C-alpha atoms as a PDB file:
ATOM      1  CA  MET A   1     244.280  17.321 -68.907  1.00  0.00           C
ATOM      2  CA  ASN A   2     242.623  13.971 -70.041  1.00  0.00           C
ATOM      3  CA  LYS A   3     243.306  10.441 -68.932  1.00  0.00           C
ATOM      4  CA  SER A   4     246.162   9.576 -71.363  1.00  0.00           C
ATOM      5  CA  ASP A   5     247.811  12.654 -70.170  1.00  0.00           C
ATOM      6  CA  LEU A   6     247.529  11.818 -66.777  1.00  0.00           C
ATOM      7  CA  ILE A   7     248.901   8.296 -67.176  1.00  0.00           C
ATOM      8  CA  ILE A   8     252.104   9.846 -69.187  1.00  0.00           C
ATOM      9  CA  LYS A   9     252.543  12.516 -66.475  1.00  0.00           C
ATOM     10  CA  ILE A  10     252.501   9.605 -63.753  1.00  0.00           C
ATOM     11  CA  ALA A  11     255.046   7.627 -65.741  1.00  0.00           C
ATOM     12  CA  ASN A  12     257.136  10.546 -66.403  1.00  0.00           C
ATOM     13  CA  LEU A  13     257.337  11.462 -62.382  1.00  0.00           C
ATOM     14  CA  ASN A  14     258.179   7.763 -61.736  1.00  0.00           C
ATOM     15  CA  PRO A  15     261.108   6.503 -64.031  1.00  0.00           C
ATOM     16  CA  SER A  16     260.778   2.947 -62.426  1.00  0.00           C
ATOM     17  CA  LEU A  17     257.017   2.855 -63.524  1.00  0.00           C
ATOM     18  CA  TYR A  18     256.404   1.629 -66.978  1.00  0.00           C
ATOM     19  CA  GLN A  19     253.504   3.533 -68.648  1.00  0.00           C
ATOM     20  CA  LYS A  20     251.303   0.441 -68.845  1.00  0.00           C
ATOM     21  CA  ASP A  21     251.449  -0.189 -65.317  1.00  0.00           C
ATOM     22  CA  ALA A  22     250.644   3.882 -64.602  1.00  0.00           C
ATOM     23  CA  ASN A  23     247.707   2.858 -66.960  1.00  0.00           C
ATOM     24  CA  LYS A  24     246.517  -0.005 -64.780  1.00  0.00           C
ATOM     25  CA  ILE A  25     246.881   2.141 -61.444  1.00  0.00           C
ATOM     26  CA  ILE A  26     244.728   4.882 -63.033  1.00  0.00           C
ATOM     27  CA  ASN A  27     242.053   2.471 -64.284  1.00  0.00           C
ATOM     28  CA  VAL A  28     241.731   0.634 -61.006  1.00  0.00           C
ATOM     29  CA  PHE A  29     241.535   3.843 -59.463  1.00  0.00           C
ATOM     30  CA  PHE A  30     238.406   5.100 -61.464  1.00  0.00           C
ATOM     31  CA  GLN A  31     236.921   1.714 -61.374  1.00  0.00           C
ATOM     32  CA  THR A  32     236.928   1.869 -57.561  1.00  0.00           C
ATOM     33  CA  ILE A  33     235.506   4.971 -57.537  1.00  0.00           C
ATOM     34  CA  SER A  34     232.729   4.034 -59.897  1.00  0.00           C
ATOM     35  CA  LYS A  35     232.026   0.715 -58.122  1.00  0.00           C
ATOM     36  CA  ALA A  36     231.553   3.064 -54.816  1.00  0.00           C
ATOM     37  CA  LEU A  37     229.444   5.413 -56.531  1.00  0.00           C
ATOM     38  CA  SER A  38     227.278   2.573 -57.964  1.00  0.00           C
ATOM     39  CA  LYS A  39     226.595   1.370 -54.430  1.00  0.00           C
ATOM     40  CA  ASN A  40     225.688   4.723 -53.245  1.00  0.00           C
ATOM     41  CA  GLU A  41     228.883   5.162 -51.203  1.00  0.00           C
ATOM     42  CA  ARG A  42     230.749   8.359 -50.661  1.00  0.00           C
ATOM     43  CA  VAL A  43     234.426   8.596 -51.810  1.00  0.00           C
ATOM     44  CA  GLU A  44     236.221  11.254 -49.892  1.00  0.00           C
ATOM     45  CA  LEU A  45     239.763  12.042 -50.965  1.00  0.00           C
ATOM     46  CA  ARG A  46     241.208  14.469 -48.267  1.00  0.00           C
ATOM     47  CA  GLY A  47     242.779  17.594 -49.683  1.00  0.00           C
ATOM     48  CA  PHE A  48     241.177  16.983 -53.072  1.00  0.00           C
ATOM     49  CA  GLY A  49     237.287  16.441 -52.764  1.00  0.00           C
ATOM     50  CA  ILE A  50     234.473  14.323 -52.288  1.00  0.00           C
ATOM     51  CA  PHE A  51     232.586  11.970 -54.933  1.00  0.00           C
ATOM     52  CA  ASP A  52     229.064  11.333 -53.952  1.00  0.00           C
ATOM     53  CA  VAL A  53     225.643  10.511 -55.435  1.00  0.00           C
ATOM     54  CA  LYS A  54     222.568  12.851 -55.671  1.00  0.00           C
ATOM     55  CA  LYS A  55     219.110  11.383 -56.465  1.00  0.00           C
ATOM     56  CA  ARG A  56     216.962  13.374 -58.632  1.00  0.00           C
ATOM     57  CA  GLU A  57     213.234  13.143 -58.573  1.00  0.00           C
ATOM     58  CA  ALA A  58     211.205  11.979 -61.490  1.00  0.00           C
ATOM     59  CA  ARG A  59     209.537  15.288 -63.020  1.00  0.00           C
ATOM     60  CA  ILE A  60     207.678  16.454 -66.372  1.00  0.00           C
ATOM     61  CA  ALA A  61     209.889  18.326 -68.654  1.00  0.00           C
ATOM     62  CA  ARG A  62     209.340  20.085 -71.976  1.00  0.00           C
ATOM     63  CA  ASN A  63     210.761  19.233 -75.584  1.00  0.00           C
ATOM     64  CA  PRO A  64     212.216  22.635 -76.591  1.00  0.00           C
ATOM     65  CA  LYS A  65     212.046  21.486 -80.174  1.00  0.00           C
ATOM     66  CA  ASN A  66     207.986  21.211 -80.180  1.00  0.00           C
ATOM     67  CA  GLY A  67     207.201  22.098 -76.589  1.00  0.00           C
ATOM     68  CA  SER A  68     205.349  18.577 -75.764  1.00  0.00           C
ATOM     69  CA  ALA A  69     205.454  17.338 -72.246  1.00  0.00           C
ATOM     70  CA  VAL A  70     208.238  14.486 -71.680  1.00  0.00           C
ATOM     71  CA  ALA A  71     208.341  12.400 -68.474  1.00  0.00           C
ATOM     72  CA  VAL A  72     211.669  12.146 -67.016  1.00  0.00           C
ATOM     73  CA  PRO A  73     212.367   9.314 -64.477  1.00  0.00           C
ATOM     74  CA  ALA A  74     213.951   9.392 -61.187  1.00  0.00           C
ATOM     75  CA  LYS A  75     217.653   8.907 -61.392  1.00  0.00           C
ATOM     76  CA  ASN A  76     221.005   9.036 -59.254  1.00  0.00           C
ATOM     77  CA  VAL A  77     223.712  11.423 -60.514  1.00  0.00           C
ATOM     78  CA  PRO A  78     227.243  11.680 -59.513  1.00  0.00           C
ATOM     79  CA  TYR A  79     228.637  14.711 -58.302  1.00  0.00           C
ATOM     80  CA  PHE A  80     232.054  16.234 -56.960  1.00  0.00           C
ATOM     81  CA  ARG A  81     232.390  18.859 -54.422  1.00  0.00           C
ATOM     82  CA  MET A  82     235.890  20.291 -54.103  1.00  0.00           C
ATOM     83  CA  GLY A  83     237.750  19.899 -50.741  1.00  0.00           C
ATOM     84  CA  LYS A  84     239.084  22.875 -48.732  1.00  0.00           C
ATOM     85  CA  GLY A  85     242.759  22.086 -49.394  1.00  0.00           C
ATOM     86  CA  MET A  86     241.974  22.035 -53.269  1.00  0.00           C
ATOM     87  CA  LYS A  87     240.078  25.538 -52.862  1.00  0.00           C
ATOM     88  CA  ASP A  88     242.964  26.865 -50.922  1.00  0.00           C
ATOM     89  CA  ARG A  89     245.633  25.701 -53.540  1.00  0.00           C
ATOM     90  CA  LEU A  90     243.576  27.088 -56.435  1.00  0.00           C
ATOM     91  CA  ASN A  91     242.793  30.647 -54.521  1.00  0.00           C
ATOM     92  CA  LYS A  92     246.305  31.394 -53.547  1.00  0.00           C
END
């Protein structure tokens, strides 16, 4: 399922909600999560999972094409950890 499929599904499940309003809701939801992660804040959705940020240290990597060393700078990467409720629903 992609974002447009999600918007259509939400609009279909809520007949009083227009598709453009469902689009705004989904956009606000994702923007809120993105802003929180950019501030290194953790986002926890009970029964679904946790969005968090991990810091990757700087390292020296190899270019697979020619084998030369390449410096990779430190960076923050988002990650998602599934919640217990979601694991239980998937593994029934």
